């Protein structure tokens, strides 16, 4: 699977096969296996329904390195149920201060990612994920940059480059 992912050379490649009443789902970048990937899980569920492997009313169940994940169809939408990952507040490193200045409202970390909250949606949208200061940080998998949404009916806006899509390790 790793060799196929390297040959395909996309940020993530999903592999799934039936396993009892669920599907074993694994995600690979060109260089390593990931513990969790939302986009590839969404795509996998979509393919299972579109190819008729699952009926539209059936729940897609995925056994993964992060535990059981499920997907359900709601009309044209797909709802994913992922494990909650608690975030612990952490000190703000100099590199974050260099990249974001005094716009940081919160910085936290969990077993896989850093979560950075900025003041506004505009700051998230204008953020440069290629800022040189970020390449020096010991980010495990990805950096979630978020802020309250300015759009009615939306709570937050987020961006999430992973170590697979850019070199932030």
C-alpha atoms as a PDB file:
ATOM      1  CA  UNK A   1       0.000   0.000   0.000  1.00  0.00           C
ATOM      2  CA  UNK A   2       2.835   2.372   0.807  1.00  0.00           C
ATOM      3  CA  UNK A   3       4.438   1.756  -2.587  1.00  0.00           C
ATOM      4  CA  UNK A   4       1.145   2.378  -4.398  1.00  0.00           C
ATOM      5  CA  UNK A   5       0.616   5.615  -2.436  1.00  0.00           C
ATOM      6  CA  UNK A   6       4.139   6.716  -3.312  1.00  0.00           C
ATOM      7  CA  UNK A   7       3.507   5.993  -6.991  1.00  0.00           C
ATOM      8  CA  UNK A   8       0.144   7.818  -6.994  1.00  0.00           C
ATOM      9  CA  UNK A   9       1.855  10.723  -5.152  1.00  0.00           C
ATOM     10  CA  UNK A  10      -1.256  12.423  -3.742  1.00  0.00           C
ATOM     11  CA  UNK A  11      -1.556  13.898  -0.257  1.00  0.00           C
ATOM     12  CA  UNK A  12      -3.499  10.808   0.878  1.00  0.00           C
ATOM     13  CA  UNK A  13      -4.502   7.537  -0.735  1.00  0.00           C
ATOM     14  CA  UNK A  14      -7.197   5.403   0.910  1.00  0.00           C
ATOM     15  CA  UNK A  15      -7.314   1.613   0.887  1.00  0.00           C
ATOM     16  CA  UNK A  16     -10.353  -0.290   2.100  1.00  0.00           C
ATOM     17  CA  UNK A  17     -11.583  -3.850   2.147  1.00  0.00           C
ATOM     18  CA  UNK A  18     -14.544  -5.583   3.742  1.00  0.00           C
ATOM     19  CA  UNK A  19     -13.882  -6.919   7.207  1.00  0.00           C
ATOM     20  CA  UNK A  20     -16.812  -8.595   9.001  1.00  0.00           C
ATOM     21  CA  UNK A  21     -19.641  -6.026   9.273  1.00  0.00           C
ATOM     22  CA  UNK A  22     -17.380  -3.070   8.412  1.00  0.00           C
ATOM     23  CA  UNK A  23     -14.533  -2.045   6.121  1.00  0.00           C
ATOM     24  CA  UNK A  24     -10.874  -1.861   7.093  1.00  0.00           C
ATOM     25  CA  UNK A  25      -9.726   1.629   6.048  1.00  0.00           C
ATOM     26  CA  UNK A  26      -6.102   2.780   5.909  1.00  0.00           C
ATOM     27  CA  UNK A  27      -4.632   6.044   4.625  1.00  0.00           C
ATOM     28  CA  UNK A  28      -1.164   6.560   3.185  1.00  0.00           C
ATOM     29  CA  UNK A  29       0.776   9.622   2.120  1.00  0.00           C
ATOM     30  CA  UNK A  30       3.673   9.137  -0.301  1.00  0.00           C
ATOM     31  CA  UNK A  31       5.943   8.720   2.733  1.00  0.00           C
ATOM     32  CA  UNK A  32       3.939   7.226   5.637  1.00  0.00           C
ATOM     33  CA  UNK A  33       0.703   5.744   6.952  1.00  0.00           C
ATOM     34  CA  UNK A  34      -1.653   8.224   8.618  1.00  0.00           C
ATOM     35  CA  UNK A  35      -3.789   7.644  11.717  1.00  0.00           C
ATOM     36  CA  UNK A  36      -6.770   9.650  10.448  1.00  0.00           C
ATOM     37  CA  UNK A  37      -7.875  11.374   7.231  1.00  0.00           C
ATOM     38  CA  UNK A  38     -11.291  12.983   6.898  1.00  0.00           C
ATOM     39  CA  UNK A  39     -11.281  13.702   3.164  1.00  0.00           C
ATOM     40  CA  UNK A  40     -10.258  10.160   2.228  1.00  0.00           C
ATOM     41  CA  UNK A  41     -12.889   8.731   4.605  1.00  0.00           C
ATOM     42  CA  UNK A  42     -15.541  10.916   2.993  1.00  0.00           C
ATOM     43  CA  UNK A  43     -14.445   9.782  -0.476  1.00  0.00           C
ATOM     44  CA  UNK A  44     -14.428   6.124   0.590  1.00  0.00           C
ATOM     45  CA  UNK A  45     -17.989   6.332   1.932  1.00  0.00           C
ATOM     46  CA  UNK A  46     -19.136   8.090  -1.240  1.00  0.00           C
ATOM     47  CA  UNK A  47     -17.648   5.346  -3.436  1.00  0.00           C
ATOM     48  CA  UNK A  48     -19.303   2.592  -1.377  1.00  0.00           C
ATOM     49  CA  UNK A  49     -22.745   4.154  -1.949  1.00  0.00           C
ATOM     50  CA  UNK A  50     -22.162   5.225  -5.560  1.00  0.00           C
ATOM     51  CA  UNK A  51     -20.912   1.771  -6.572  1.00  0.00           C
ATOM     52  CA  UNK A  52     -23.880   0.076  -4.868  1.00  0.00           C
ATOM     53  CA  UNK A  53     -21.677  -1.749  -2.359  1.00  0.00           C
ATOM     54  CA  UNK A  54     -23.799  -0.164   0.387  1.00  0.00           C
ATOM     55  CA  UNK A  55     -27.451   0.792   0.065  1.00  0.00           C
ATOM     56  CA  UNK A  56     -28.119   4.537   0.537  1.00  0.00           C
ATOM     57  CA  UNK A  57     -29.756   3.961   3.940  1.00  0.00           C
ATOM     58  CA  UNK A  58     -26.853   1.821   5.247  1.00  0.00           C
ATOM     59  CA  UNK A  59     -24.226   3.261   7.563  1.00  0.00           C
ATOM     60  CA  UNK A  60     -20.655   2.978   6.323  1.00  0.00           C
ATOM     61  CA  UNK A  61     -18.545   1.549   9.160  1.00  0.00           C
ATOM     62  CA  UNK A  62     -14.769   1.836   9.002  1.00  0.00           C
ATOM     63  CA  UNK A  63     -12.258   0.089  11.266  1.00  0.00           C
ATOM     64  CA  UNK A  64      -9.166   2.316  11.412  1.00  0.00           C
ATOM     65  CA  UNK A  65      -6.063   3.057  13.482  1.00  0.00           C
ATOM     66  CA  UNK A  66      -8.202   5.731  15.173  1.00  0.00           C
ATOM     67  CA  UNK A  67     -11.006   3.309  16.035  1.00  0.00           C
ATOM     68  CA  UNK A  68     -14.436   2.885  14.493  1.00  0.00           C
ATOM     69  CA  UNK A  69     -15.520   5.710  12.173  1.00  0.00           C
ATOM     70  CA  UNK A  70     -18.973   5.914  10.642  1.00  0.00           C
ATOM     71  CA  UNK A  71     -20.575   7.762   7.741  1.00  0.00           C
ATOM     72  CA  UNK A  72     -24.288   8.258   7.036  1.00  0.00           C
ATOM     73  CA  UNK A  73     -26.105   9.792   4.093  1.00  0.00           C
ATOM     74  CA  UNK A  74     -28.502  12.669   4.683  1.00  0.00           C
ATOM     75  CA  UNK A  75     -29.910  13.552   1.274  1.00  0.00           C
ATOM     76  CA  UNK A  76     -27.004  14.932  -0.737  1.00  0.00           C
ATOM     77  CA  UNK A  77     -24.856  15.288   2.387  1.00  0.00           C
ATOM     78  CA  UNK A  78     -22.607  12.779   4.158  1.00  0.00           C
ATOM     79  CA  UNK A  79     -22.248  12.974   7.937  1.00  0.00           C
ATOM     80  CA  UNK A  80     -18.992  11.629   9.382  1.00  0.00           C
ATOM     81  CA  UNK A  81     -18.623  10.596  13.017  1.00  0.00           C
ATOM     82  CA  UNK A  82     -15.023  10.810  14.163  1.00  0.00           C
ATOM     83  CA  UNK A  83     -13.517  10.365  17.629  1.00  0.00           C
ATOM     84  CA  UNK A  84     -13.288  13.506  19.732  1.00  0.00           C
ATOM     85  CA  UNK A  85      -9.704  14.554  20.386  1.00  0.00           C
ATOM     86  CA  UNK A  86      -9.242  16.701  23.480  1.00  0.00           C
ATOM     87  CA  UNK A  87      -6.964  19.676  23.105  1.00  0.00           C
ATOM     88  CA  UNK A  88      -4.707  20.887  25.911  1.00  0.00           C
ATOM     89  CA  UNK A  89      -3.610  24.535  25.979  1.00  0.00           C
ATOM     90  CA  UNK A  90       0.090  24.978  25.333  1.00  0.00           C
ATOM     91  CA  UNK A  91       2.649  27.780  25.382  1.00  0.00           C
ATOM     92  CA  UNK A  92       2.898  29.773  22.168  1.00  0.00           C
ATOM     93  CA  UNK A  93       6.331  29.143  20.580  1.00  0.00           C
ATOM     94  CA  UNK A  94       8.280  32.035  19.073  1.00  0.00           C
ATOM     95  CA  UNK A  95       7.746  30.614  15.562  1.00  0.00           C
ATOM     96  CA  UNK A  96       3.961  30.895  16.007  1.00  0.00           C
ATOM     97  CA  UNK A  97       4.360  34.472  17.250  1.00  0.00           C
ATOM     98  CA  UNK A  98       6.520  35.254  14.208  1.00  0.00           C
ATOM     99  CA  UNK A  99       3.975  33.730  11.821  1.00  0.00           C
ATOM    100  CA  UNK A 100       0.787  35.088  13.429  1.00  0.00           C
ATOM    101  CA  UNK A 101       1.825  38.031  15.616  1.00  0.00           C
ATOM    102  CA  UNK A 102      -0.613  39.062  18.330  1.00  0.00           C
ATOM    103  CA  UNK A 103      -3.658  37.639  16.490  1.00  0.00           C
ATOM    104  CA  UNK A 104      -3.478  34.314  18.385  1.00  0.00           C
ATOM    105  CA  UNK A 105      -6.433  33.769  20.727  1.00  0.00           C
ATOM    106  CA  UNK A 106      -5.575  30.171  21.667  1.00  0.00           C
ATOM    107  CA  UNK A 107      -3.033  27.445  20.923  1.00  0.00           C
ATOM    108  CA  UNK A 108      -3.640  23.840  21.930  1.00  0.00           C
ATOM    109  CA  UNK A 109      -2.294  20.392  21.104  1.00  0.00           C
ATOM    110  CA  UNK A 110      -3.611  16.822  21.086  1.00  0.00           C
ATOM    111  CA  UNK A 111      -2.031  13.488  20.148  1.00  0.00           C
ATOM    112  CA  UNK A 112      -2.034  14.379  16.432  1.00  0.00           C
ATOM    113  CA  UNK A 113      -2.451  18.094  15.784  1.00  0.00           C
ATOM    114  CA  UNK A 114      -2.017  21.688  16.887  1.00  0.00           C
ATOM    115  CA  UNK A 115      -5.146  23.878  17.065  1.00  0.00           C
ATOM    116  CA  UNK A 116      -4.640  27.601  16.598  1.00  0.00           C
ATOM    117  CA  UNK A 117      -7.521  30.059  16.996  1.00  0.00           C
ATOM    118  CA  UNK A 118      -7.215  33.480  15.388  1.00  0.00           C
ATOM    119  CA  UNK A 119      -9.367  36.573  15.913  1.00  0.00           C
ATOM    120  CA  UNK A 120     -11.270  36.603  12.623  1.00  0.00           C
ATOM    121  CA  UNK A 121     -12.349  34.611   9.592  1.00  0.00           C
ATOM    122  CA  UNK A 122     -10.459  37.052   7.358  1.00  0.00           C
ATOM    123  CA  UNK A 123      -7.192  36.233   9.177  1.00  0.00           C
ATOM    124  CA  UNK A 124      -7.737  32.509   8.547  1.00  0.00           C
ATOM    125  CA  UNK A 125      -8.523  33.078   4.882  1.00  0.00           C
ATOM    126  CA  UNK A 126      -5.460  35.313   4.391  1.00  0.00           C
ATOM    127  CA  UNK A 127      -3.085  33.051   6.338  1.00  0.00           C
ATOM    128  CA  UNK A 128       0.020  31.871   4.477  1.00  0.00           C
ATOM    129  CA  UNK A 129       0.627  28.180   5.329  1.00  0.00           C
ATOM    130  CA  UNK A 130       4.073  28.432   3.704  1.00  0.00           C
ATOM    131  CA  UNK A 131       5.345  30.981   6.262  1.00  0.00           C
ATOM    132  CA  UNK A 132       9.026  30.050   6.819  1.00  0.00           C
ATOM    133  CA  UNK A 133       8.713  30.183  10.616  1.00  0.00           C
ATOM    134  CA  UNK A 134       6.209  27.305  10.592  1.00  0.00           C
ATOM    135  CA  UNK A 135       8.629  24.860   8.949  1.00  0.00           C
ATOM    136  CA  UNK A 136      10.682  24.802  12.157  1.00  0.00           C
ATOM    137  CA  UNK A 137       7.834  23.650  14.402  1.00  0.00           C
ATOM    138  CA  UNK A 138       7.530  20.079  15.755  1.00  0.00           C
ATOM    139  CA  UNK A 139       3.982  19.648  14.443  1.00  0.00           C
ATOM    140  CA  UNK A 140       2.919  16.001  14.588  1.00  0.00           C
ATOM    141  CA  UNK A 141       0.446  15.751  11.713  1.00  0.00           C
ATOM    142  CA  UNK A 142      -1.201  19.069  11.009  1.00  0.00           C
ATOM    143  CA  UNK A 143      -2.005  22.576  12.103  1.00  0.00           C
ATOM    144  CA  UNK A 144      -5.695  23.462  12.375  1.00  0.00           C
ATOM    145  CA  UNK A 145      -6.094  27.216  11.991  1.00  0.00           C
ATOM    146  CA  UNK A 146      -9.586  28.409  12.920  1.00  0.00           C
ATOM    147  CA  UNK A 147     -11.664  31.452  13.880  1.00  0.00           C
ATOM    148  CA  UNK A 148     -15.308  32.339  14.447  1.00  0.00           C
ATOM    149  CA  UNK A 149     -17.175  32.579  11.138  1.00  0.00           C
ATOM    150  CA  UNK A 150     -18.555  35.879   9.919  1.00  0.00           C
ATOM    151  CA  UNK A 151     -21.208  34.037   7.860  1.00  0.00           C
ATOM    152  CA  UNK A 152     -24.680  33.532   9.299  1.00  0.00           C
ATOM    153  CA  UNK A 153     -25.428  29.866   9.949  1.00  0.00           C
ATOM    154  CA  UNK A 154     -21.740  28.892  10.264  1.00  0.00           C
ATOM    155  CA  UNK A 155     -19.901  28.644  13.561  1.00  0.00           C
ATOM    156  CA  UNK A 156     -16.278  28.493  12.431  1.00  0.00           C
ATOM    157  CA  UNK A 157     -13.979  28.632   9.448  1.00  0.00           C
ATOM    158  CA  UNK A 158     -10.862  26.425   9.435  1.00  0.00           C
ATOM    159  CA  UNK A 159      -7.869  25.513   7.315  1.00  0.00           C
ATOM    160  CA  UNK A 160      -5.888  22.339   7.884  1.00  0.00           C
ATOM    161  CA  UNK A 161      -2.650  21.728   5.998  1.00  0.00           C
ATOM    162  CA  UNK A 162      -1.105  18.425   7.031  1.00  0.00           C
ATOM    163  CA  UNK A 163       2.514  17.378   7.119  1.00  0.00           C
ATOM    164  CA  UNK A 164       1.709  15.398   3.964  1.00  0.00           C
ATOM    165  CA  UNK A 165       0.623  18.483   2.025  1.00  0.00           C
ATOM    166  CA  UNK A 166       3.422  20.759   3.226  1.00  0.00           C
ATOM    167  CA  UNK A 167       6.587  20.315   5.210  1.00  0.00           C
ATOM    168  CA  UNK A 168       5.809  21.640   8.689  1.00  0.00           C
ATOM    169  CA  UNK A 169       7.763  19.091  10.711  1.00  0.00           C
END
